[in-house]
Each structure stands twice: as structure tokens, then as C-alpha cells.
Amino acid sequence: PKWRGKMAEVGPLARYIIIYTKVKKGVIDKPTWAEAMIVDQIEAVSRLLHLMPEVWMTTMVGRTAVRALEAQLNAYINKYFYDKLIKNIKDGDTTVAVNKKWGPETWPEKCRGVGLYEAPRGALSHWVTIKNAKIENYQAVVPTTWNACPRDSKAGHGPYEKAMMDTKVKIADKPLEILKVVRSFDPCMACATHMYNAA
């Protein structure tokens, strides 16, 4: 997947860079409390490290730190929505879903659906085509598909590849630094795959 013909990183780092930049440039002139918290978090870490955000955020440690900052932010957001849910229930609103079109008997002969979500790892989309109440085609574009996408001749380097380009490896046959960089993206793949040579 590409965004406007370019490779794109998805996930907490991308979200934080976008919000921080938009607030600082005045594109978001009245930040929500969550957007203000993002700016405050980034500036607090920058003061602690004595580094500008653009220096520390795009590193392996920075990407991992931003993932932790977003976990803190999401704890506050979850509390906010939990409190709203409890208030709604106390006020008598117990509706949790609209099931009018849940049953396949309510569907047209051919229909399509899409679900878009900004998951903890990054942009996630599900695409489905249904014909005669059966799935005809289904596709999921997951965050790791975005982040692990290799370079191509038009769009350039993918996020993993770009992040590893300046990574210095201390022991060539034990590239621990490369593993740390890839894992800082929180990839959805087997991180514990082992090889065994019986010979």
C-alpha cells in the first residue's frame, strides 16, 4: 500500500508526528485535550533528553518511547469514554448496536463493505464483497503490510528499510540492532522464529 504514490509509515510515531506538526504549525489552532496531551508528552521527553523532537522521535528508541506515550494517552481516552458509557447507562440509554441489517436476509444480492480503523500498530482496513449472502472477496490491509513494504522504483524505500539504512551493526553475524529496529514497529509476525540445523 502507498499514500499518494509514496511509502508511508503507520502507527504511533506517524500519529504523533502528524498531530504535533499540525498543532505547532497552527493547522490545528484549538487542540483537543488529547492533542494537547500529545504535544505536552513530546515536549516533556524533548526537555528530558535535551533533543529536538525530530532528532529523537524517528529513532528506534524514539519509536518505542512514542508507543509507550500513546499507551498513556489511550488510558486517559479509555477512561473518558468509560465515564460517558456509565453516564449513558445511568441516564437509561442501554442501546449498544443497531441490528437492522445484521441478518443476511436483509442484504441485497450483491453488496460491499469496508472497515477502516487506526489500530495500535497503525492503519488497518478490511474490504469485503458479498454475493448471494456469501463472501465473494475479502482483503485486509494491515499495519505490517504498510510498514514492511519493500522499496519500489517509484515510491522509494519502505519504512523498515528506511529505518535500518543508518543502523550500525556491531557484530555482523548477530545483527541484534536490526532486530531491535524492526521490533520497534511492533510487527505482527513471528518474532520468535528459530532455525535449527541438525547437521
Protein backbone atom coordinates (compact mmCIF):
# COMPACT_ATOMS: atom_id res chain seq x y z
CA PRO A 1 0.00 0.00 0.00
CA LYS A 2 1.02 3.57 -0.66
CA TRP A 3 -0.25 7.02 0.30
CA ARG A 4 -0.48 9.28 -2.75
CA GLY A 5 2.12 7.15 -4.50
CA LYS A 6 4.62 7.23 -1.61
CA MET A 7 5.62 4.70 1.02
CA ALA A 8 4.16 5.54 4.41
CA GLU A 9 4.85 4.52 7.99
CA VAL A 10 1.77 3.89 10.10
CA GLY A 11 1.40 3.58 13.85
CA PRO A 12 2.01 5.68 16.97
CA LEU A 13 5.06 7.52 15.61
CA ALA A 14 3.18 8.60 12.48
CA ARG A 15 0.14 9.71 14.50
CA TYR A 16 2.29 11.67 16.97
CA ILE A 17 4.34 13.40 14.26
CA ILE A 18 1.16 14.43 12.40
CA ILE A 19 -0.62 15.82 15.49
CA TYR A 20 2.49 17.55 16.85
CA THR A 21 3.31 19.16 13.49
CA LYS A 22 -0.28 20.27 12.86
CA VAL A 23 -0.53 21.88 16.30
CA LYS A 24 2.88 23.57 16.06
CA LYS A 25 2.16 24.93 12.55
CA GLY A 26 -1.30 26.19 13.57
CA VAL A 27 -3.17 23.81 11.27
CA ILE A 28 -4.91 22.67 14.46
CA ASP A 29 -5.43 26.01 16.17
CA LYS A 30 -7.62 24.72 19.02
CA PRO A 31 -6.24 21.32 20.04
CA THR A 32 -8.47 18.90 21.90
CA TRP A 33 -7.30 17.82 25.34
CA ALA A 34 -5.88 14.64 23.75
CA GLU A 35 -3.98 16.58 21.08
CA ALA A 36 -2.65 18.98 23.73
CA MET A 37 -1.52 15.97 25.78
CA ILE A 38 0.42 14.62 22.76
CA VAL A 39 2.23 17.95 22.39
CA ASP A 40 2.97 18.08 26.13
CA GLN A 41 4.29 14.50 26.13
CA ILE A 42 6.63 15.13 23.18
CA GLU A 43 7.95 18.36 24.68
CA ALA A 44 8.49 16.72 28.09
CA VAL A 45 10.61 13.96 26.53
CA SER A 46 12.48 16.53 24.40
CA ARG A 47 13.36 18.53 27.55
CA LEU A 48 14.43 15.37 29.37
CA LEU A 49 16.70 14.27 26.50
CA HIS A 50 17.84 17.80 25.56
CA LEU A 51 16.98 16.93 21.95
CA MET A 52 14.55 18.32 19.42
CA PRO A 53 11.59 16.01 18.64
CA GLU A 54 12.75 15.47 15.05
CA VAL A 55 16.04 14.09 16.40
CA TRP A 56 14.80 11.56 18.96
CA MET A 57 11.36 10.57 17.68
CA THR A 58 12.47 8.88 14.45
CA THR A 59 15.00 6.60 16.14
CA MET A 60 14.39 3.04 17.30
CA VAL A 61 14.25 4.21 20.92
CA GLY A 62 12.05 7.16 19.94
CA ARG A 63 9.58 4.95 18.08
CA THR A 64 9.37 2.67 21.13
CA ALA A 65 9.00 5.64 23.51
CA VAL A 66 6.17 7.11 21.42
CA ARG A 67 4.38 3.74 21.57
CA ALA A 68 4.54 3.99 25.39
CA LEU A 69 3.37 7.63 25.34
CA GLU A 70 0.40 6.63 23.21
CA ALA A 71 -0.46 3.86 25.68
CA GLN A 72 -0.60 6.52 28.40
CA LEU A 73 -2.79 8.74 26.21
CA ASN A 74 -5.11 5.82 25.41
CA ALA A 75 -5.56 5.08 29.11
CA TYR A 76 -6.94 8.61 29.55
CA ILE A 77 -9.10 8.31 26.42
CA ASN A 78 -10.49 4.95 27.61
CA LYS A 79 -11.36 6.49 30.99
CA TYR A 80 -13.11 9.37 29.21
CA PHE A 81 -15.28 7.01 27.13
CA TYR A 82 -15.87 4.68 30.07
CA ASP A 83 -17.22 7.59 32.09
CA LYS A 84 -19.51 8.58 29.18
CA LEU A 85 -20.75 4.98 28.88
CA ILE A 86 -21.58 4.79 32.60
CA LYS A 87 -23.39 8.15 32.42
CA ASN A 88 -25.43 6.99 29.41
CA ILE A 89 -26.42 3.76 31.18
CA LYS A 90 -27.40 5.71 34.32
CA ASP A 91 -29.49 8.00 32.09
CA GLY A 92 -31.31 4.96 30.67
CA ASP A 93 -29.51 4.59 27.33
CA THR A 94 -28.65 0.89 27.08
CA THR A 95 -28.63 0.60 23.27
CA VAL A 96 -25.40 -0.99 22.15
CA ALA A 97 -25.99 -1.78 18.46
CA VAL A 98 -28.37 -1.29 15.57
CA ASN A 99 -29.07 -4.75 14.18
CA LYS A 100 -31.40 -3.81 11.30
CA LYS A 101 -29.02 -5.11 8.63
CA TRP A 102 -27.23 -7.79 10.65
CA GLY A 103 -29.02 -10.79 9.15
CA PRO A 104 -28.01 -11.88 5.62
CA GLU A 105 -31.70 -11.99 4.64
CA THR A 106 -31.68 -8.16 4.78
CA TRP A 107 -28.77 -7.79 2.34
CA PRO A 108 -29.04 -7.05 -1.38
CA GLU A 109 -27.91 -9.76 -3.83
CA LYS A 110 -24.52 -8.07 -4.16
CA CYS A 111 -23.04 -5.70 -1.59
CA ARG A 112 -19.70 -4.34 -0.43
CA GLY A 113 -18.34 -3.25 2.90
CA VAL A 114 -15.27 -1.55 4.24
CA GLY A 115 -13.99 -1.11 7.77
CA LEU A 116 -11.25 1.42 8.49
CA TYR A 117 -9.55 1.66 11.87
CA GLU A 118 -6.46 3.24 13.34
CA ALA A 119 -5.26 0.27 15.40
CA PRO A 120 -2.38 0.41 17.92
CA ARG A 121 0.04 -0.83 15.24
CA GLY A 122 -1.32 1.60 12.63
CA ALA A 123 -3.82 1.88 9.78
CA LEU A 124 -5.97 -1.23 9.37
CA SER A 125 -8.61 -1.78 6.69
CA HIS A 126 -10.93 -4.67 5.86
CA TRP A 127 -12.65 -4.89 2.45
CA VAL A 128 -15.39 -7.36 1.58
CA THR A 129 -17.62 -8.12 -1.42
CA ILE A 130 -20.66 -10.28 -0.72
CA LYS A 131 -22.72 -12.03 -3.39
CA ASN A 132 -25.83 -14.12 -2.65
CA ALA A 133 -25.16 -13.84 1.11
CA LYS A 134 -21.67 -15.36 0.72
CA ILE A 135 -18.26 -13.71 0.78
CA GLU A 136 -17.05 -13.36 -2.80
CA ASN A 137 -13.83 -11.49 -2.00
CA TYR A 138 -12.15 -10.41 1.23
CA GLN A 139 -9.00 -8.39 1.80
CA ALA A 140 -7.31 -6.96 4.85
CA VAL A 141 -4.58 -4.33 4.61
CA VAL A 142 -2.83 -4.46 7.96
CA PRO A 143 -0.25 -2.12 9.57
CA THR A 144 2.63 -4.52 8.96
CA THR A 145 1.78 -4.52 5.25
CA TRP A 146 2.35 -0.75 5.27
CA ASN A 147 5.48 -0.74 7.43
CA ALA A 148 7.20 -3.82 5.97
CA CYS A 149 6.52 -2.85 2.35
CA PRO A 150 9.79 -3.06 0.38
CA ARG A 151 11.03 -0.31 -1.91
CA ASP A 152 9.91 0.08 -5.47
CA SER A 153 11.29 2.16 -8.33
CA LYS A 154 8.69 4.94 -7.96
CA ALA A 155 7.81 5.16 -4.27
CA GLY A 156 11.27 4.72 -2.75
CA HIS A 157 12.22 2.83 0.40
CA GLY A 158 9.70 1.24 2.75
CA PRO A 159 9.58 2.21 6.46
CA TYR A 160 11.52 -0.82 7.79
CA GLU A 161 14.15 -0.44 5.12
CA LYS A 162 14.48 3.32 5.67
CA ALA A 163 14.78 2.87 9.45
CA MET A 164 17.57 0.31 9.03
CA MET A 165 19.64 2.25 6.49
CA ASP A 166 21.70 4.16 9.07
CA THR A 167 21.65 1.45 11.73
CA LYS A 168 25.14 0.47 12.78
CA VAL A 169 25.59 -3.25 13.46
CA LYS A 170 28.29 -4.16 15.99
CA ILE A 171 28.54 -7.89 15.18
CA ALA A 172 27.78 -8.67 11.53
CA ASP A 173 26.63 -12.27 12.04
CA LYS A 174 24.50 -11.27 15.06
CA PRO A 175 22.60 -8.18 13.84
CA LEU A 176 20.74 -7.52 17.09
CA GLU A 177 20.39 -3.82 16.20
CA ILE A 178 18.42 -4.71 13.05
CA LEU A 179 16.03 -6.86 15.08
CA LYS A 180 15.50 -4.02 17.57
CA VAL A 181 14.70 -1.56 14.77
CA VAL A 182 12.13 -3.90 13.17
CA ARG A 183 10.57 -4.73 16.54
CA SER A 184 10.22 -1.02 17.34
CA PHE A 185 7.45 -1.02 14.69
CA ASP A 186 5.61 -3.74 16.69
CA PRO A 187 5.31 -6.01 13.64
CA CYS A 188 2.54 -8.56 13.50
CA MET A 189 4.73 -11.51 12.56
CA ALA A 190 6.57 -14.32 14.28
CA CYS A 191 9.35 -12.60 16.21
CA ALA A 192 10.37 -15.90 17.78
CA THR A 193 11.05 -17.95 14.65
CA HIS A 194 14.04 -20.22 15.26
CA MET A 195 16.22 -22.16 12.85
CA TYR A 196 17.73 -25.49 13.77
CA ASN A 197 20.45 -27.19 11.79
CA ALA A 198 20.66 -30.89 12.65
CA ALA A 199 23.82 -31.39 10.56
